[in-house]
């Protein structure tokens, strides 16, 4: 294990739920929009469809008889509400900046997220975290989102390193699946939304982001 850690040259970070406490805001925005059309988006439904399968929940609206144009309008309203919540409520997770400071300059670091670029920009307009990263990948930079391995395969290529020299930090089952499918080791830091998910195959499950300092240095 010591030898493997010493091989690590790059860290690929998920964004929502790992660096910033925003996943609950996305759930809040979706829950409100679905409630307006008479669908209760429980945490269980959200976790299964968004954080494990990453397919969203619009199929529930289709089953209720809503057409494509109505769903398109609802999606726009959801994105607008989420943007508003990000402006008002998003915050950096405790211990993140301390950890990034310790790791910065010792590893190549990138953010690999399925978030939209506009939402990503709102989040990081006030975090002061991007200075620690060598590159960022958002939803427009790949065709298939996590749990597909494409985002992490692109990150490996962008890093110029071998997959054996890279590790991932994730909080969700879909993120872990994407990392493993790309042949990467993955540390998982569960959140309140993901703590009951299956993290089989993770290199290690951590309780705090600060634990990465001892794990990797």
N, C-alpha and C. Protein backbone atom coordinates (compact mmCIF):
# COMPACT_ATOMS: atom_id res chain seq x y z
N UNK A 1 0.83 -1.21 0.00
CA UNK A 1 0.00 0.00 0.00
C UNK A 1 0.87 1.26 0.00
N UNK A 2 1.95 1.22 0.79
CA UNK A 2 2.86 2.38 0.85
C UNK A 2 3.44 2.66 -0.53
N UNK A 3 3.83 1.60 -1.23
CA UNK A 3 4.41 1.77 -2.56
C UNK A 3 3.38 2.36 -3.51
N UNK A 4 2.16 1.87 -3.42
CA UNK A 4 1.10 2.36 -4.31
C UNK A 4 0.83 3.85 -4.08
N UNK A 5 0.80 4.29 -2.83
CA UNK A 5 0.56 5.70 -2.51
C UNK A 5 1.68 6.57 -3.07
N UNK A 6 2.92 6.08 -2.95
CA UNK A 6 4.05 6.85 -3.46
C UNK A 6 3.99 7.01 -4.97
N UNK A 7 3.29 6.11 -5.65
CA UNK A 7 3.15 6.19 -7.10
C UNK A 7 2.19 7.30 -7.54
N UNK A 8 1.33 7.74 -6.64
CA UNK A 8 0.29 8.70 -7.00
C UNK A 8 0.89 10.05 -7.38
N UNK A 9 0.52 10.53 -8.57
CA UNK A 9 1.00 11.82 -9.04
C UNK A 9 -0.15 12.79 -9.32
N UNK A 10 -1.38 12.26 -9.40
CA UNK A 10 -2.53 13.12 -9.73
C UNK A 10 -3.75 12.73 -8.91
N UNK A 11 -4.53 13.73 -8.55
CA UNK A 11 -5.79 13.52 -7.84
C UNK A 11 -6.91 14.17 -8.64
N UNK A 12 -7.93 13.38 -8.97
CA UNK A 12 -9.11 13.89 -9.67
C UNK A 12 -10.25 13.99 -8.66
N UNK A 13 -10.75 15.20 -8.49
CA UNK A 13 -11.77 15.48 -7.48
C UNK A 13 -13.15 15.63 -8.11
N UNK A 14 -14.14 14.96 -7.52
CA UNK A 14 -15.52 15.32 -7.82
C UNK A 14 -15.77 16.69 -7.19
N UNK A 15 -16.83 17.35 -7.59
CA UNK A 15 -17.12 18.70 -7.10
C UNK A 15 -18.23 18.70 -6.04
N UNK A 16 -19.44 18.42 -6.48
CA UNK A 16 -20.62 18.51 -5.60
C UNK A 16 -20.64 17.38 -4.58
N UNK A 17 -20.61 17.76 -3.32
CA UNK A 17 -20.60 16.76 -2.25
C UNK A 17 -19.21 16.42 -1.76
N UNK A 18 -18.18 16.79 -2.54
CA UNK A 18 -16.79 16.55 -2.14
C UNK A 18 -16.09 17.85 -1.78
N UNK A 19 -16.15 18.81 -2.70
CA UNK A 19 -15.54 20.12 -2.45
C UNK A 19 -16.54 21.11 -1.87
N UNK A 20 -17.75 21.07 -2.38
CA UNK A 20 -18.78 22.04 -1.99
C UNK A 20 -20.07 21.33 -1.58
N UNK A 21 -20.76 21.91 -0.63
CA UNK A 21 -21.98 21.31 -0.08
C UNK A 21 -23.18 21.75 -0.91
N UNK A 22 -23.28 21.20 -2.11
CA UNK A 22 -24.32 21.63 -3.06
C UNK A 22 -25.31 20.54 -3.44
N UNK A 23 -24.97 19.28 -3.19
CA UNK A 23 -25.84 18.19 -3.62
C UNK A 23 -27.23 18.32 -3.00
N UNK A 24 -27.29 18.75 -1.75
CA UNK A 24 -28.60 18.89 -1.10
C UNK A 24 -29.41 20.03 -1.73
N UNK A 25 -28.71 21.01 -2.31
CA UNK A 25 -29.40 22.11 -2.99
C UNK A 25 -30.01 21.64 -4.31
N UNK A 26 -29.30 20.76 -4.99
CA UNK A 26 -29.82 20.21 -6.25
C UNK A 26 -31.05 19.34 -5.95
N UNK A 27 -30.98 18.59 -4.87
CA UNK A 27 -32.14 17.80 -4.45
C UNK A 27 -33.31 18.73 -4.13
N UNK A 28 -33.03 19.81 -3.42
CA UNK A 28 -34.06 20.77 -3.03
C UNK A 28 -34.75 21.37 -4.27
N UNK A 29 -33.95 21.74 -5.26
CA UNK A 29 -34.50 22.33 -6.49
C UNK A 29 -35.36 21.33 -7.24
N UNK A 30 -34.88 20.11 -7.38
CA UNK A 30 -35.66 19.08 -8.07
C UNK A 30 -36.93 18.73 -7.31
N UNK A 31 -36.83 18.63 -5.99
CA UNK A 31 -37.99 18.28 -5.16
C UNK A 31 -39.09 19.32 -5.33
N UNK A 32 -38.71 20.60 -5.34
CA UNK A 32 -39.71 21.67 -5.47
C UNK A 32 -40.39 21.65 -6.83
N UNK A 33 -39.63 21.43 -7.88
CA UNK A 33 -40.20 21.40 -9.24
C UNK A 33 -41.12 20.20 -9.42
N UNK A 34 -40.70 19.05 -8.94
CA UNK A 34 -41.54 17.86 -9.07
C UNK A 34 -42.79 17.96 -8.21
N UNK A 35 -42.67 18.61 -7.06
CA UNK A 35 -43.83 18.80 -6.20
C UNK A 35 -44.91 19.62 -6.90
N UNK A 36 -44.48 20.57 -7.73
CA UNK A 36 -45.43 21.43 -8.45
C UNK A 36 -46.27 20.66 -9.46
N UNK A 37 -45.81 19.47 -9.87
CA UNK A 37 -46.59 18.66 -10.81
C UNK A 37 -47.15 17.41 -10.12
N UNK A 38 -47.16 17.46 -8.78
CA UNK A 38 -47.80 16.40 -8.01
C UNK A 38 -46.98 15.14 -7.82
N UNK A 39 -45.65 15.25 -7.94
CA UNK A 39 -44.78 14.09 -7.73
C UNK A 39 -43.91 14.34 -6.51
N UNK A 40 -43.95 13.41 -5.55
CA UNK A 40 -43.11 13.53 -4.37
C UNK A 40 -41.75 12.89 -4.67
N UNK A 41 -40.73 13.71 -4.76
CA UNK A 41 -39.38 13.22 -5.02
C UNK A 41 -38.70 12.97 -3.68
N UNK A 42 -38.86 11.76 -3.17
CA UNK A 42 -38.28 11.42 -1.88
C UNK A 42 -36.76 11.32 -2.00
N UNK A 43 -36.09 11.33 -0.86
CA UNK A 43 -34.63 11.17 -0.89
C UNK A 43 -34.24 9.84 -1.51
N UNK A 44 -35.02 8.82 -1.23
CA UNK A 44 -34.72 7.49 -1.76
C UNK A 44 -34.79 7.48 -3.29
N UNK A 45 -35.84 8.11 -3.85
CA UNK A 45 -35.98 8.19 -5.30
C UNK A 45 -34.86 9.02 -5.90
N UNK A 46 -34.52 10.13 -5.23
CA UNK A 46 -33.45 11.00 -5.71
C UNK A 46 -32.11 10.27 -5.73
N UNK A 47 -31.78 9.61 -4.64
CA UNK A 47 -30.50 8.90 -4.55
C UNK A 47 -30.39 7.83 -5.63
N UNK A 48 -31.46 7.04 -5.81
CA UNK A 48 -31.45 5.96 -6.79
C UNK A 48 -31.28 6.48 -8.21
N UNK A 49 -32.00 7.54 -8.54
CA UNK A 49 -32.02 8.01 -9.93
C UNK A 49 -30.94 9.03 -10.28
N UNK A 50 -30.50 9.79 -9.29
CA UNK A 50 -29.49 10.82 -9.54
C UNK A 50 -28.09 10.41 -9.10
N UNK A 51 -27.97 9.82 -7.93
CA UNK A 51 -26.66 9.56 -7.35
C UNK A 51 -26.13 8.15 -7.59
N UNK A 52 -26.99 7.28 -8.09
CA UNK A 52 -26.55 5.92 -8.43
C UNK A 52 -26.61 5.71 -9.94
N UNK A 53 -27.81 5.87 -10.51
CA UNK A 53 -27.98 5.62 -11.95
C UNK A 53 -27.66 6.84 -12.81
N UNK A 54 -27.75 8.03 -12.23
CA UNK A 54 -27.47 9.29 -12.93
C UNK A 54 -28.35 9.47 -14.16
N UNK A 55 -29.62 9.10 -14.05
CA UNK A 55 -30.51 9.24 -15.20
C UNK A 55 -31.57 10.32 -14.97
N UNK A 56 -31.59 10.93 -13.77
CA UNK A 56 -32.61 11.92 -13.48
C UNK A 56 -33.95 11.26 -13.20
N UNK A 57 -34.99 12.08 -13.07
CA UNK A 57 -36.31 11.53 -12.72
C UNK A 57 -37.42 12.00 -13.66
N UNK A 58 -37.04 12.47 -14.82
CA UNK A 58 -38.06 12.99 -15.74
C UNK A 58 -38.98 11.88 -16.27
N UNK A 59 -38.52 10.63 -16.17
CA UNK A 59 -39.39 9.52 -16.57
C UNK A 59 -40.66 9.48 -15.71
N UNK A 60 -40.56 9.99 -14.48
CA UNK A 60 -41.74 10.05 -13.61
C UNK A 60 -42.76 11.05 -14.16
N UNK A 61 -42.26 12.13 -14.75
CA UNK A 61 -43.15 13.11 -15.36
C UNK A 61 -43.79 12.55 -16.63
N UNK A 62 -43.03 11.77 -17.38
CA UNK A 62 -43.56 11.13 -18.59
C UNK A 62 -44.67 10.16 -18.21
N UNK A 63 -44.43 9.38 -17.16
CA UNK A 63 -45.43 8.43 -16.69
C UNK A 63 -46.71 9.14 -16.25
N UNK A 64 -46.57 10.39 -15.83
CA UNK A 64 -47.73 11.17 -15.39
C UNK A 64 -48.45 11.82 -16.57
N UNK A 65 -47.88 11.65 -17.78
CA UNK A 65 -48.53 12.15 -18.99
C UNK A 65 -48.02 13.47 -19.51
N UNK A 66 -46.94 14.00 -18.93
CA UNK A 66 -46.40 15.28 -19.39
C UNK A 66 -45.62 15.10 -20.69
N UNK A 67 -45.78 16.08 -21.59
CA UNK A 67 -45.12 16.03 -22.88
C UNK A 67 -43.72 16.62 -22.86
N UNK A 68 -43.05 16.51 -24.00
CA UNK A 68 -41.66 16.95 -24.11
C UNK A 68 -41.49 18.44 -23.84
N UNK A 69 -42.38 19.25 -24.35
CA UNK A 69 -42.26 20.71 -24.17
C UNK A 69 -42.44 21.11 -22.71
N UNK A 70 -43.40 20.48 -22.04
CA UNK A 70 -43.64 20.78 -20.63
C UNK A 70 -42.42 20.38 -19.79
N UNK A 71 -41.84 19.22 -20.10
CA UNK A 71 -40.67 18.75 -19.36
C UNK A 71 -39.48 19.67 -19.61
N UNK A 72 -39.35 20.14 -20.85
CA UNK A 72 -38.28 21.09 -21.18
C UNK A 72 -38.41 22.36 -20.34
N UNK A 73 -39.66 22.84 -20.19
CA UNK A 73 -39.92 24.03 -19.39
C UNK A 73 -39.59 23.78 -17.91
N UNK A 74 -39.98 22.62 -17.41
CA UNK A 74 -39.71 22.27 -16.02
C UNK A 74 -38.21 22.14 -15.76
N UNK A 75 -37.50 21.59 -16.72
CA UNK A 75 -36.05 21.46 -16.58
C UNK A 75 -35.39 22.84 -16.50
N UNK A 76 -35.88 23.77 -17.32
CA UNK A 76 -35.37 25.15 -17.29
C UNK A 76 -35.66 25.79 -15.93
N UNK A 77 -36.86 25.57 -15.41
CA UNK A 77 -37.23 26.13 -14.11
C UNK A 77 -36.37 25.53 -12.99
N UNK A 78 -36.10 24.22 -13.10
CA UNK A 78 -35.24 23.56 -12.11
C UNK A 78 -33.85 24.16 -12.13
N UNK A 79 -33.29 24.33 -13.33
CA UNK A 79 -31.94 24.89 -13.44
C UNK A 79 -31.87 26.32 -12.92
N UNK A 80 -32.91 27.09 -13.17
CA UNK A 80 -32.95 28.48 -12.68
C UNK A 80 -33.04 28.51 -11.16
N UNK A 81 -33.88 27.65 -10.60
CA UNK A 81 -34.02 27.59 -9.14
C UNK A 81 -32.71 27.14 -8.51
N UNK A 82 -32.06 26.16 -9.11
CA UNK A 82 -30.78 25.67 -8.58
C UNK A 82 -29.72 26.78 -8.61
N UNK A 83 -29.70 27.54 -9.69
CA UNK A 83 -28.76 28.67 -9.77
C UNK A 83 -29.01 29.66 -8.64
N UNK A 84 -30.27 29.95 -8.37
CA UNK A 84 -30.64 30.87 -7.29
C UNK A 84 -30.16 30.34 -5.94
N UNK A 85 -30.37 29.06 -5.71
CA UNK A 85 -29.95 28.45 -4.44
C UNK A 85 -28.42 28.47 -4.30
N UNK A 86 -27.73 28.26 -5.41
CA UNK A 86 -26.27 28.29 -5.38
C UNK A 86 -25.75 29.68 -5.00
N UNK A 87 -26.39 30.71 -5.53
CA UNK A 87 -26.00 32.08 -5.19
C UNK A 87 -26.21 32.35 -3.70
N UNK A 88 -27.24 31.74 -3.13
CA UNK A 88 -27.64 32.06 -1.76
C UNK A 88 -27.04 31.14 -0.70
N UNK A 89 -26.85 29.85 -1.04
CA UNK A 89 -26.60 28.88 0.02
C UNK A 89 -25.37 28.00 -0.12
N UNK A 90 -24.72 27.98 -1.27
CA UNK A 90 -23.60 27.04 -1.44
C UNK A 90 -22.42 27.44 -0.57
N UNK A 91 -21.69 26.44 -0.08
CA UNK A 91 -20.53 26.71 0.77
C UNK A 91 -19.49 25.60 0.59
N UNK A 92 -18.25 25.95 0.88
CA UNK A 92 -17.16 24.98 0.82
C UNK A 92 -17.28 24.03 2.00
N UNK A 93 -17.09 22.75 1.77
CA UNK A 93 -17.17 21.76 2.84
C UNK A 93 -15.99 21.93 3.81
N UNK A 94 -16.28 21.75 5.09
CA UNK A 94 -15.26 21.90 6.13
C UNK A 94 -14.03 21.04 5.83
N UNK A 95 -12.86 21.63 5.95
CA UNK A 95 -11.61 20.89 5.78
C UNK A 95 -11.08 20.85 4.36
N UNK A 96 -11.91 21.27 3.39
CA UNK A 96 -11.50 21.19 1.99
C UNK A 96 -10.32 22.10 1.68
N UNK A 97 -10.42 23.37 2.05
CA UNK A 97 -9.33 24.29 1.68
C UNK A 97 -8.04 23.91 2.40
N UNK A 98 -8.14 23.52 3.65
CA UNK A 98 -6.96 23.06 4.39
C UNK A 98 -6.28 21.90 3.66
N UNK A 99 -7.09 20.95 3.20
CA UNK A 99 -6.57 19.77 2.50
C UNK A 99 -5.94 20.15 1.17
N UNK A 100 -6.62 21.00 0.41
CA UNK A 100 -6.10 21.40 -0.89
C UNK A 100 -4.77 22.15 -0.74
N UNK A 101 -4.66 22.97 0.27
CA UNK A 101 -3.41 23.70 0.51
C UNK A 101 -2.25 22.74 0.75
N UNK A 102 -2.51 21.69 1.53
CA UNK A 102 -1.46 20.72 1.86
C UNK A 102 -1.05 19.89 0.63
N UNK A 103 -2.01 19.61 -0.24
CA UNK A 103 -1.75 18.75 -1.40
C UNK A 103 -1.27 19.53 -2.63
N UNK A 104 -1.58 20.82 -2.65
CA UNK A 104 -1.24 21.66 -3.80
C UNK A 104 0.27 21.70 -4.03
N UNK A 105 0.66 21.52 -5.29
CA UNK A 105 2.08 21.54 -5.64
C UNK A 105 2.76 20.20 -5.51
N UNK A 106 2.13 19.27 -4.78
CA UNK A 106 2.68 17.93 -4.61
C UNK A 106 2.05 16.94 -5.58
N UNK A 107 0.85 17.29 -6.07
CA UNK A 107 0.14 16.44 -7.03
C UNK A 107 -0.46 17.33 -8.11
N UNK A 108 -0.60 16.78 -9.31
CA UNK A 108 -1.43 17.42 -10.32
C UNK A 108 -2.88 17.20 -9.88
N UNK A 109 -3.70 18.24 -9.91
CA UNK A 109 -5.07 18.09 -9.43
C UNK A 109 -6.08 18.66 -10.43
N UNK A 110 -7.17 17.91 -10.62
CA UNK A 110 -8.23 18.36 -11.51
C UNK A 110 -9.59 18.10 -10.90
N UNK A 111 -10.57 18.90 -11.29
CA UNK A 111 -11.96 18.68 -10.89
C UNK A 111 -12.67 18.00 -12.05
N UNK A 112 -13.37 16.91 -11.77
CA UNK A 112 -14.10 16.16 -12.79
C UNK A 112 -15.55 16.04 -12.32
N UNK A 113 -16.43 16.82 -12.92
CA UNK A 113 -17.81 16.90 -12.45
C UNK A 113 -18.81 16.81 -13.60
N UNK A 114 -19.98 16.28 -13.30
CA UNK A 114 -21.06 16.24 -14.29
C UNK A 114 -21.93 17.49 -14.22
N UNK A 115 -21.53 18.45 -13.39
CA UNK A 115 -22.27 19.71 -13.27
C UNK A 115 -22.20 20.51 -14.57
N UNK A 116 -23.24 21.28 -14.83
CA UNK A 116 -23.23 22.23 -15.95
C UNK A 116 -22.20 23.31 -15.67
N UNK A 117 -21.61 23.84 -16.76
CA UNK A 117 -20.57 24.86 -16.61
C UNK A 117 -21.11 26.11 -15.93
N UNK A 118 -22.36 26.52 -16.24
CA UNK A 118 -22.90 27.73 -15.63
C UNK A 118 -23.08 27.56 -14.12
N UNK A 119 -23.53 26.38 -13.70
CA UNK A 119 -23.67 26.12 -12.26
C UNK A 119 -22.30 26.05 -11.59
N UNK A 120 -21.37 25.40 -12.25
CA UNK A 120 -20.01 25.30 -11.73
C UNK A 120 -19.40 26.68 -11.52
N UNK A 121 -19.62 27.57 -12.48
CA UNK A 121 -19.06 28.92 -12.39
C UNK A 121 -19.69 29.72 -11.25
N UNK A 122 -20.99 29.54 -11.04
CA UNK A 122 -21.66 30.22 -9.92
C UNK A 122 -21.05 29.75 -8.60
N UNK A 123 -20.91 28.44 -8.47
CA UNK A 123 -20.36 27.87 -7.24
C UNK A 123 -18.98 28.44 -6.93
N UNK A 124 -18.11 28.44 -7.94
CA UNK A 124 -16.72 28.79 -7.68
C UNK A 124 -16.41 30.28 -7.85
N UNK A 125 -17.45 31.06 -8.10
CA UNK A 125 -17.24 32.51 -8.16
C UNK A 125 -16.87 33.07 -6.79
N UNK A 126 -17.15 32.28 -5.73
CA UNK A 126 -16.88 32.78 -4.38
C UNK A 126 -16.17 31.76 -3.48
N UNK A 127 -15.69 30.64 -4.06
CA UNK A 127 -15.02 29.64 -3.20
C UNK A 127 -13.53 29.88 -3.05
N UNK A 128 -12.92 30.50 -4.06
CA UNK A 128 -11.47 30.71 -4.06
C UNK A 128 -10.69 29.39 -4.10
N UNK A 129 -11.31 28.34 -4.64
CA UNK A 129 -10.66 27.03 -4.68
C UNK A 129 -9.96 26.72 -6.00
N UNK A 130 -10.38 27.35 -7.07
CA UNK A 130 -9.88 26.95 -8.39
C UNK A 130 -8.38 27.15 -8.55
N UNK A 131 -7.80 28.01 -7.75
CA UNK A 131 -6.35 28.25 -7.83
C UNK A 131 -5.53 27.02 -7.48
N UNK A 132 -6.16 26.05 -6.82
CA UNK A 132 -5.46 24.83 -6.44
C UNK A 132 -5.46 23.77 -7.54
N UNK A 133 -6.19 24.02 -8.62
CA UNK A 133 -6.39 22.97 -9.63
C UNK A 133 -5.71 23.30 -10.96
N UNK A 134 -5.24 22.24 -11.61
CA UNK A 134 -4.56 22.38 -12.89
C UNK A 134 -5.55 22.36 -14.06
N UNK A 135 -6.70 21.73 -13.87
CA UNK A 135 -7.73 21.72 -14.92
C UNK A 135 -9.09 21.39 -14.31
N UNK A 136 -10.13 21.71 -15.04
CA UNK A 136 -11.50 21.33 -14.65
C UNK A 136 -12.22 20.74 -15.85
N UNK A 137 -13.06 19.75 -15.61
CA UNK A 137 -13.92 19.16 -16.63
C UNK A 137 -15.36 19.23 -16.13
N UNK A 138 -16.24 19.85 -16.91
CA UNK A 138 -17.66 19.91 -16.57
C UNK A 138 -18.46 19.18 -17.64
N UNK A 139 -19.79 19.18 -17.53
CA UNK A 139 -20.63 18.34 -18.38
C UNK A 139 -20.44 18.55 -19.87
N UNK A 140 -20.07 19.76 -20.28
CA UNK A 140 -19.89 20.02 -21.71
C UNK A 140 -18.60 19.46 -22.28
N UNK A 141 -17.75 18.90 -21.43
CA UNK A 141 -16.45 18.40 -21.88
C UNK A 141 -16.45 16.92 -22.22
N UNK A 142 -17.61 16.26 -22.06
CA UNK A 142 -17.71 14.84 -22.41
C UNK A 142 -19.14 14.53 -22.82
N UNK A 143 -19.32 13.40 -23.51
CA UNK A 143 -20.64 13.02 -24.01
C UNK A 143 -21.46 12.28 -22.95
N UNK A 144 -20.80 11.40 -22.23
CA UNK A 144 -21.51 10.56 -21.25
C UNK A 144 -21.10 10.93 -19.83
N UNK A 145 -22.07 11.20 -18.95
CA UNK A 145 -21.76 11.55 -17.56
C UNK A 145 -21.45 10.31 -16.73
N UNK A 146 -20.94 10.50 -15.54
CA UNK A 146 -20.81 9.40 -14.59
C UNK A 146 -22.20 8.77 -14.39
N UNK A 147 -22.32 7.45 -14.28
CA UNK A 147 -21.29 6.45 -13.99
C UNK A 147 -20.50 5.94 -15.19
N UNK A 148 -20.69 6.52 -16.36
CA UNK A 148 -19.85 6.17 -17.50
C UNK A 148 -18.40 6.58 -17.17
N UNK A 149 -17.42 5.83 -17.61
CA UNK A 149 -16.03 6.17 -17.29
C UNK A 149 -15.46 7.33 -18.10
N UNK A 150 -16.19 7.80 -19.14
CA UNK A 150 -15.63 8.80 -20.04
C UNK A 150 -15.03 10.03 -19.33
N UNK A 151 -15.72 10.63 -18.35
CA UNK A 151 -15.12 11.80 -17.70
C UNK A 151 -13.74 11.54 -17.13
N UNK A 152 -13.56 10.37 -16.51
CA UNK A 152 -12.26 10.07 -15.91
C UNK A 152 -11.24 9.61 -16.95
N UNK A 153 -11.68 8.99 -18.01
CA UNK A 153 -10.76 8.63 -19.10
C UNK A 153 -10.19 9.90 -19.74
N UNK A 154 -11.03 10.92 -19.88
CA UNK A 154 -10.57 12.20 -20.41
C UNK A 154 -9.60 12.85 -19.43
N UNK A 155 -9.90 12.75 -18.13
CA UNK A 155 -9.01 13.32 -17.11
C UNK A 155 -7.63 12.67 -17.15
N UNK A 156 -7.60 11.36 -17.30
CA UNK A 156 -6.32 10.65 -17.39
C UNK A 156 -5.53 11.17 -18.59
N UNK A 157 -6.19 11.26 -19.73
CA UNK A 157 -5.52 11.75 -20.95
C UNK A 157 -5.02 13.17 -20.75
N UNK A 158 -5.83 14.01 -20.12
CA UNK A 158 -5.46 15.41 -19.89
C UNK A 158 -4.27 15.53 -18.95
N UNK A 159 -4.18 14.61 -18.01
CA UNK A 159 -3.08 14.65 -17.04
C UNK A 159 -1.74 14.25 -17.67
N UNK A 160 -1.80 13.45 -18.71
CA UNK A 160 -0.58 12.95 -19.33
C UNK A 160 0.08 11.85 -18.53
N UNK A 161 -0.63 11.30 -17.56
CA UNK A 161 -0.09 10.27 -16.68
C UNK A 161 -0.74 8.92 -16.95
N UNK A 162 -0.18 7.88 -16.37
CA UNK A 162 -0.78 6.56 -16.45
C UNK A 162 -1.88 6.46 -15.39
N UNK A 163 -2.87 5.62 -15.65
CA UNK A 163 -3.99 5.50 -14.70
C UNK A 163 -3.51 5.04 -13.33
N UNK A 164 -2.42 4.26 -13.30
CA UNK A 164 -1.87 3.77 -12.03
C UNK A 164 -1.31 4.91 -11.19
N UNK A 165 -1.08 6.07 -11.79
CA UNK A 165 -0.51 7.21 -11.08
C UNK A 165 -1.58 8.21 -10.63
N UNK A 166 -2.85 7.86 -10.85
CA UNK A 166 -3.96 8.78 -10.57
C UNK A 166 -4.94 8.16 -9.57
N UNK A 167 -5.51 8.99 -8.71
CA UNK A 167 -6.57 8.54 -7.81
C UNK A 167 -7.74 9.52 -7.90
N UNK A 168 -8.89 9.05 -7.47
CA UNK A 168 -10.12 9.84 -7.53
C UNK A 168 -10.67 10.03 -6.12
N UNK A 169 -11.34 11.17 -5.90
CA UNK A 169 -12.05 11.42 -4.64
C UNK A 169 -13.52 11.66 -4.99
N UNK A 170 -14.40 10.82 -4.47
CA UNK A 170 -15.82 10.87 -4.79
C UNK A 170 -16.67 10.77 -3.54
N UNK A 171 -17.97 11.06 -3.71
CA UNK A 171 -18.91 10.93 -2.59
C UNK A 171 -20.09 10.04 -2.92
N UNK A 172 -20.24 9.67 -4.21
CA UNK A 172 -21.44 8.94 -4.62
C UNK A 172 -21.11 7.62 -5.30
N UNK A 173 -22.11 6.76 -5.36
CA UNK A 173 -21.95 5.46 -6.01
C UNK A 173 -21.69 5.62 -7.51
N UNK A 174 -22.37 6.57 -8.15
CA UNK A 174 -22.15 6.76 -9.59
C UNK A 174 -20.72 7.22 -9.86
N UNK A 175 -20.18 8.07 -8.98
CA UNK A 175 -18.82 8.55 -9.15
C UNK A 175 -17.81 7.44 -8.96
N UNK A 176 -18.02 6.62 -7.93
CA UNK A 176 -17.14 5.48 -7.69
C UNK A 176 -17.18 4.53 -8.88
N UNK A 177 -18.36 4.25 -9.40
CA UNK A 177 -18.50 3.36 -10.55
C UNK A 177 -17.73 3.89 -11.75
N UNK A 178 -17.85 5.20 -12.00
CA UNK A 178 -17.14 5.82 -13.12
C UNK A 178 -15.63 5.65 -12.96
N UNK A 179 -15.13 5.89 -11.74
CA UNK A 179 -13.70 5.77 -11.48
C UNK A 179 -13.21 4.33 -11.68
N UNK A 180 -13.95 3.38 -11.13
CA UNK A 180 -13.54 1.98 -11.25
C UNK A 180 -13.58 1.51 -12.70
N UNK A 181 -14.58 1.96 -13.45
CA UNK A 181 -14.66 1.57 -14.86
C UNK A 181 -13.51 2.16 -15.67
N UNK A 182 -12.97 3.27 -15.18
CA UNK A 182 -11.81 3.89 -15.86
C UNK A 182 -10.50 3.28 -15.38
N UNK A 183 -10.58 2.33 -14.46
CA UNK A 183 -9.39 1.66 -13.95
C UNK A 183 -8.65 2.44 -12.89
N UNK A 184 -9.36 3.32 -12.18
CA UNK A 184 -8.74 4.20 -11.20
C UNK A 184 -9.06 3.79 -9.77
N UNK A 185 -8.12 4.02 -8.87
CA UNK A 185 -8.39 3.86 -7.45
C UNK A 185 -9.24 5.04 -6.98
N UNK A 186 -10.12 4.79 -6.03
CA UNK A 186 -11.05 5.84 -5.62
C UNK A 186 -11.27 5.86 -4.12
N UNK A 187 -11.03 7.03 -3.52
CA UNK A 187 -11.38 7.28 -2.13
C UNK A 187 -12.80 7.85 -2.10
N UNK A 188 -13.60 7.39 -1.18
CA UNK A 188 -14.99 7.85 -1.07
C UNK A 188 -15.20 8.53 0.28
N UNK A 189 -15.82 9.72 0.22
CA UNK A 189 -16.20 10.44 1.43
C UNK A 189 -17.72 10.61 1.38
N UNK A 190 -18.47 9.72 2.01
CA UNK A 190 -19.93 9.78 1.92
C UNK A 190 -20.51 11.05 2.54
N UNK A 191 -21.64 11.48 2.00
CA UNK A 191 -22.39 12.61 2.56
C UNK A 191 -23.66 12.06 3.22
N UNK A 192 -24.47 12.97 3.76
CA UNK A 192 -25.72 12.54 4.38
C UNK A 192 -26.65 11.88 3.36
N UNK A 193 -26.52 12.26 2.08
CA UNK A 193 -27.36 11.67 1.04
C UNK A 193 -26.83 10.33 0.55
N UNK A 194 -25.52 10.10 0.69
CA UNK A 194 -24.94 8.90 0.08
C UNK A 194 -24.42 7.88 1.08
N UNK A 195 -24.50 8.16 2.36
CA UNK A 195 -23.84 7.30 3.35
C UNK A 195 -24.36 5.86 3.35
N UNK A 196 -25.57 5.63 2.85
CA UNK A 196 -26.11 4.27 2.83
C UNK A 196 -25.95 3.58 1.48
N UNK A 197 -25.19 4.19 0.59
CA UNK A 197 -24.95 3.60 -0.73
C UNK A 197 -23.92 2.50 -0.64
N UNK A 198 -23.80 1.73 -1.72
CA UNK A 198 -22.81 0.67 -1.78
C UNK A 198 -21.52 1.23 -2.36
N UNK A 199 -20.42 1.07 -1.63
CA UNK A 199 -19.13 1.57 -2.11
C UNK A 199 -18.12 0.44 -2.27
N UNK A 200 -18.64 -0.70 -2.70
CA UNK A 200 -17.78 -1.85 -2.94
C UNK A 200 -16.75 -1.50 -4.02
N UNK A 201 -15.50 -1.80 -3.75
CA UNK A 201 -14.44 -1.51 -4.72
C UNK A 201 -13.67 -0.25 -4.41
N UNK A 202 -14.16 0.55 -3.46
CA UNK A 202 -13.44 1.78 -3.09
C UNK A 202 -12.11 1.43 -2.45
N UNK A 203 -11.10 2.25 -2.71
CA UNK A 203 -9.79 2.07 -2.09
C UNK A 203 -9.91 2.22 -0.58
N UNK A 204 -10.67 3.22 -0.17
CA UNK A 204 -10.95 3.44 1.24
C UNK A 204 -12.14 4.38 1.38
N UNK A 205 -12.92 4.18 2.43
CA UNK A 205 -14.03 5.08 2.74
C UNK A 205 -13.59 5.95 3.91
N UNK A 206 -13.61 7.25 3.70
CA UNK A 206 -13.12 8.20 4.69
C UNK A 206 -14.29 8.94 5.34
N UNK A 207 -14.08 9.44 6.54
CA UNK A 207 -15.12 10.20 7.23
C UNK A 207 -14.96 11.70 7.03
N UNK A 208 -13.76 12.12 6.60
CA UNK A 208 -13.50 13.54 6.39
C UNK A 208 -12.46 13.71 5.28
N UNK A 209 -12.58 14.81 4.56
CA UNK A 209 -11.64 15.10 3.48
C UNK A 209 -10.22 15.27 4.01
N UNK A 210 -10.08 15.73 5.25
CA UNK A 210 -8.74 15.96 5.80
C UNK A 210 -7.94 14.67 5.97
N UNK A 211 -8.62 13.53 6.01
CA UNK A 211 -7.94 12.25 6.13
C UNK A 211 -7.08 11.95 4.90
N UNK A 212 -7.38 12.61 3.80
CA UNK A 212 -6.57 12.42 2.59
C UNK A 212 -5.14 12.89 2.76
N UNK A 213 -4.92 13.84 3.64
CA UNK A 213 -3.57 14.37 3.87
C UNK A 213 -2.64 13.26 4.33
N UNK A 214 -3.08 12.50 5.33
CA UNK A 214 -2.28 11.38 5.83
C UNK A 214 -2.24 10.22 4.85
N UNK A 215 -3.33 10.04 4.10
CA UNK A 215 -3.39 8.93 3.15
C UNK A 215 -2.40 9.11 1.99
N UNK A 216 -2.24 10.35 1.54
CA UNK A 216 -1.49 10.58 0.31
C UNK A 216 -0.11 11.22 0.50
N UNK A 217 0.12 11.79 1.67
CA UNK A 217 1.44 12.43 1.89
C UNK A 217 2.34 11.55 2.76
